[in-house]
Structure formats: structure tokens, C-alpha cells
Amino acid sequence: MDHCFLKGLSIVYNRNVYYLPLDTMAYTLIPSVKGQITIPPEIRKKYCIDKETPIVAEDSGKGVITLKVMKMVGPDEVSYYETAKEFGLAFKKGIDPKKLVDAIKKIDG
């Protein structure tokens, strides 16, 4: 098994060196027997992650897994509209509904 360890501001892995930006938080996470990992408290606090927060895991296929924190939209941020010709959702903060639908389709596969 290859090992990865933090050395200064770089990560050394398989004799390759990958430099991290100064503001990057890097943690070593060990999966449980069931494959679960614990997100460190500093990251949970920074992104307001709790047990209800959806997180999307994307596999690059090249050994990089990206976790994306999804923001739940509250009822005060969206309203339903209906006219004789159409109906839909209006987002007060300017969310593009097409982008939302595309993101949902991507998550659902």
C-alpha cells in the first residue's frame, strides 16, 4: 500500500509532489468498516454542515474524490407561480431554474 503524508505545504504521494495553496485545509480521513468517513469539525462549521446537509461525492476516475456541499433552499427563498401559459418556481436570489434542473438530473444519473 502506498502512503501519503503531509510535508510542509506539500503532499508527497508515490514520489510525486503536489503543492497545496496556503489556504487549503488537508485532513487524512480513515474510512470505517462500513466505508463511512467523518468530516472534520472545522470543515463542518465552515460550510454549515449538519445531519440534514446533502453532500455530493464526485469521482474523477483519477484518484480524486470531490465533496460538494449542497445548500438547501428555504421556503422564504423560492415562490411558486402560475399563469395561463406556464407555471414554475421563482428564486429570490436569482438561481437559474434550468441549472437547478440540470444539477438534479446529474445527481440522479
C-alpha atoms as a PDB file:
ATOM      1  CA  MET A   1       0.000   0.000   0.000  1.00  0.00           C
ATOM      2  CA  ASP A   2       1.308   3.450  -0.886  1.00  0.00           C
ATOM      3  CA  HIS A   3       1.372   6.084   1.826  1.00  0.00           C
ATOM      4  CA  CYS A   4       0.512   9.743   1.656  1.00  0.00           C
ATOM      5  CA  PHE A   5       1.841  12.195   4.236  1.00  0.00           C
ATOM      6  CA  LEU A   6       1.883  15.931   4.758  1.00  0.00           C
ATOM      7  CA  LYS A   7       5.290  17.581   4.496  1.00  0.00           C
ATOM      8  CA  GLY A   8       5.326  21.349   4.983  1.00  0.00           C
ATOM      9  CA  LEU A   9       2.995  22.888   2.399  1.00  0.00           C
ATOM     10  CA  SER A  10       3.220  19.961   0.008  1.00  0.00           C
ATOM     11  CA  ILE A  11       1.821  16.469  -0.086  1.00  0.00           C
ATOM     12  CA  VAL A  12       4.230  13.702  -1.071  1.00  0.00           C
ATOM     13  CA  TYR A  13       2.496  10.722  -2.628  1.00  0.00           C
ATOM     14  CA  ASN A  14       4.130   7.965  -4.682  1.00  0.00           C
ATOM     15  CA  ARG A  15       7.279  10.057  -5.060  1.00  0.00           C
ATOM     16  CA  ASN A  16       5.272  12.860  -6.721  1.00  0.00           C
ATOM     17  CA  VAL A  17       4.902  16.224  -5.011  1.00  0.00           C
ATOM     18  CA  TYR A  18       1.619  18.114  -5.132  1.00  0.00           C
ATOM     19  CA  TYR A  19       1.681  21.647  -3.740  1.00  0.00           C
ATOM     20  CA  LEU A  20      -1.319  22.977  -1.834  1.00  0.00           C
ATOM     21  CA  PRO A  21      -2.389  26.633  -1.760  1.00  0.00           C
ATOM     22  CA  LEU A  22      -1.706  28.276   1.621  1.00  0.00           C
ATOM     23  CA  ASP A  23      -5.434  28.439   2.480  1.00  0.00           C
ATOM     24  CA  THR A  24      -6.044  24.727   1.765  1.00  0.00           C
ATOM     25  CA  MET A  25      -7.210  22.556   4.637  1.00  0.00           C
ATOM     26  CA  ALA A  26      -5.968  18.972   4.225  1.00  0.00           C
ATOM     27  CA  TYR A  27      -7.030  16.127   6.505  1.00  0.00           C
ATOM     28  CA  THR A  28      -6.376  12.399   6.474  1.00  0.00           C
ATOM     29  CA  LEU A  29      -9.681  10.557   6.780  1.00  0.00           C
ATOM     30  CA  ILE A  30      -9.824   6.849   7.611  1.00  0.00           C
ATOM     31  CA  PRO A  31     -12.995   5.050   6.457  1.00  0.00           C
ATOM     32  CA  SER A  32     -14.848   2.893   8.979  1.00  0.00           C
ATOM     33  CA  VAL A  33     -15.615  -0.775   8.353  1.00  0.00           C
ATOM     34  CA  LYS A  34     -18.778   0.389   6.542  1.00  0.00           C
ATOM     35  CA  GLY A  35     -16.819   2.903   4.433  1.00  0.00           C
ATOM     36  CA  GLN A  36     -18.028   5.955   6.351  1.00  0.00           C
ATOM     37  CA  ILE A  37     -15.789   8.954   6.966  1.00  0.00           C
ATOM     38  CA  THR A  38     -16.132  11.763   9.489  1.00  0.00           C
ATOM     39  CA  ILE A  39     -15.885  15.290   8.123  1.00  0.00           C
ATOM     40  CA  PRO A  40     -13.646  17.296  10.476  1.00  0.00           C
ATOM     41  CA  PRO A  41     -15.464  19.813  12.714  1.00  0.00           C
ATOM     42  CA  GLU A  42     -13.604  22.795  11.200  1.00  0.00           C
ATOM     43  CA  ILE A  43     -14.971  21.944   7.751  1.00  0.00           C
ATOM     44  CA  ARG A  44     -18.487  21.206   9.092  1.00  0.00           C
ATOM     45  CA  LYS A  45     -18.519  24.590  10.826  1.00  0.00           C
ATOM     46  CA  LYS A  46     -17.096  26.491   7.840  1.00  0.00           C
ATOM     47  CA  TYR A  47     -19.765  25.104   5.454  1.00  0.00           C
ATOM     48  CA  CYS A  48     -22.623  24.822   7.989  1.00  0.00           C
ATOM     49  CA  ILE A  49     -22.832  21.049   7.548  1.00  0.00           C
ATOM     50  CA  ASP A  50     -25.208  19.162   9.807  1.00  0.00           C
ATOM     51  CA  LYS A  51     -27.003  15.807   9.611  1.00  0.00           C
ATOM     52  CA  GLU A  52     -29.553  17.264   7.145  1.00  0.00           C
ATOM     53  CA  THR A  53     -26.998  18.741   4.703  1.00  0.00           C
ATOM     54  CA  PRO A  54     -26.792  16.931   1.347  1.00  0.00           C
ATOM     55  CA  ILE A  55     -23.261  16.344   0.059  1.00  0.00           C
ATOM     56  CA  VAL A  56     -22.459  15.122  -3.460  1.00  0.00           C
ATOM     57  CA  ALA A  57     -19.362  12.938  -3.927  1.00  0.00           C
ATOM     58  CA  GLU A  58     -17.830  13.077  -7.416  1.00  0.00           C
ATOM     59  CA  ASP A  59     -15.195  10.561  -8.549  1.00  0.00           C
ATOM     60  CA  SER A  60     -12.799  11.961 -11.169  1.00  0.00           C
ATOM     61  CA  GLY A  61     -11.687   8.458 -12.077  1.00  0.00           C
ATOM     62  CA  LYS A  62      -8.100   9.552 -11.429  1.00  0.00           C
ATOM     63  CA  GLY A  63      -7.932   9.069  -7.662  1.00  0.00           C
ATOM     64  CA  VAL A  64      -9.561  12.396  -6.774  1.00  0.00           C
ATOM     65  CA  ILE A  65     -12.893  12.455  -4.967  1.00  0.00           C
ATOM     66  CA  THR A  66     -14.573  15.848  -4.633  1.00  0.00           C
ATOM     67  CA  LEU A  67     -17.202  16.510  -1.975  1.00  0.00           C
ATOM     68  CA  LYS A  68     -19.672  19.269  -2.838  1.00  0.00           C
ATOM     69  CA  VAL A  69     -21.841  20.728  -0.095  1.00  0.00           C
ATOM     70  CA  MET A  70     -25.342  21.441  -1.358  1.00  0.00           C
ATOM     71  CA  LYS A  71     -27.334  24.329   0.080  1.00  0.00           C
ATOM     72  CA  MET A  72     -30.951  23.686   0.945  1.00  0.00           C
ATOM     73  CA  VAL A  73     -33.302  26.360  -0.347  1.00  0.00           C
ATOM     74  CA  GLY A  74     -35.810  27.504   2.270  1.00  0.00           C
ATOM     75  CA  PRO A  75     -39.446  28.359   1.575  1.00  0.00           C
ATOM     76  CA  ASP A  76     -38.692  32.073   2.028  1.00  0.00           C
ATOM     77  CA  GLU A  77     -36.169  31.944  -0.856  1.00  0.00           C
ATOM     78  CA  VAL A  78     -38.431  30.452  -3.527  1.00  0.00           C
ATOM     79  CA  SER A  79     -42.003  31.016  -4.664  1.00  0.00           C
ATOM     80  CA  TYR A  80     -44.325  29.123  -6.965  1.00  0.00           C
ATOM     81  CA  TYR A  81     -46.002  30.988  -9.817  1.00  0.00           C
ATOM     82  CA  GLU A  82     -48.702  30.011 -12.278  1.00  0.00           C
ATOM     83  CA  THR A  83     -50.170  31.838 -15.282  1.00  0.00           C
ATOM     84  CA  ALA A  84     -52.488  30.777 -18.080  1.00  0.00           C
ATOM     85  CA  LYS A  85     -49.456  29.774 -20.181  1.00  0.00           C
ATOM     86  CA  GLU A  86     -46.902  28.475 -17.680  1.00  0.00           C
ATOM     87  CA  PHE A  87     -46.017  27.619 -14.119  1.00  0.00           C
ATOM     88  CA  GLY A  88     -42.752  27.327 -12.253  1.00  0.00           C
ATOM     89  CA  LEU A  89     -40.515  28.428  -9.428  1.00  0.00           C
ATOM     90  CA  ALA A  90     -39.063  31.901  -8.902  1.00  0.00           C
ATOM     91  CA  PHE A  91     -35.884  32.137  -6.856  1.00  0.00           C
ATOM     92  CA  LYS A  92     -35.414  35.401  -4.966  1.00  0.00           C
ATOM     93  CA  LYS A  93     -31.614  35.150  -5.067  1.00  0.00           C
ATOM     94  CA  GLY A  94     -31.503  34.619  -8.817  1.00  0.00           C
ATOM     95  CA  ILE A  95     -30.994  30.855  -9.114  1.00  0.00           C
ATOM     96  CA  ASP A  96     -31.362  29.775 -12.744  1.00  0.00           C
ATOM     97  CA  PRO A  97     -34.075  27.053 -12.737  1.00  0.00           C
ATOM     98  CA  LYS A  98     -32.511  25.351 -15.788  1.00  0.00           C
ATOM     99  CA  LYS A  99     -29.195  25.000 -13.937  1.00  0.00           C
ATOM    100  CA  LEU A 100     -31.082  23.578 -10.960  1.00  0.00           C
ATOM    101  CA  VAL A 101     -32.885  21.002 -13.115  1.00  0.00           C
ATOM    102  CA  ASP A 102     -29.617  20.065 -14.857  1.00  0.00           C
ATOM    103  CA  ALA A 103     -27.897  19.629 -11.469  1.00  0.00           C
ATOM    104  CA  ILE A 104     -30.735  17.392 -10.213  1.00  0.00           C
ATOM    105  CA  LYS A 105     -30.543  15.283 -13.383  1.00  0.00           C
ATOM    106  CA  LYS A 106     -26.775  14.945 -12.949  1.00  0.00           C
ATOM    107  CA  ILE A 107     -27.166  13.822  -9.327  1.00  0.00           C
ATOM    108  CA  ASP A 108     -29.957  11.362 -10.191  1.00  0.00           C
ATOM    109  CA  GLY A 109     -27.926   9.955 -13.081  1.00  0.00           C
END
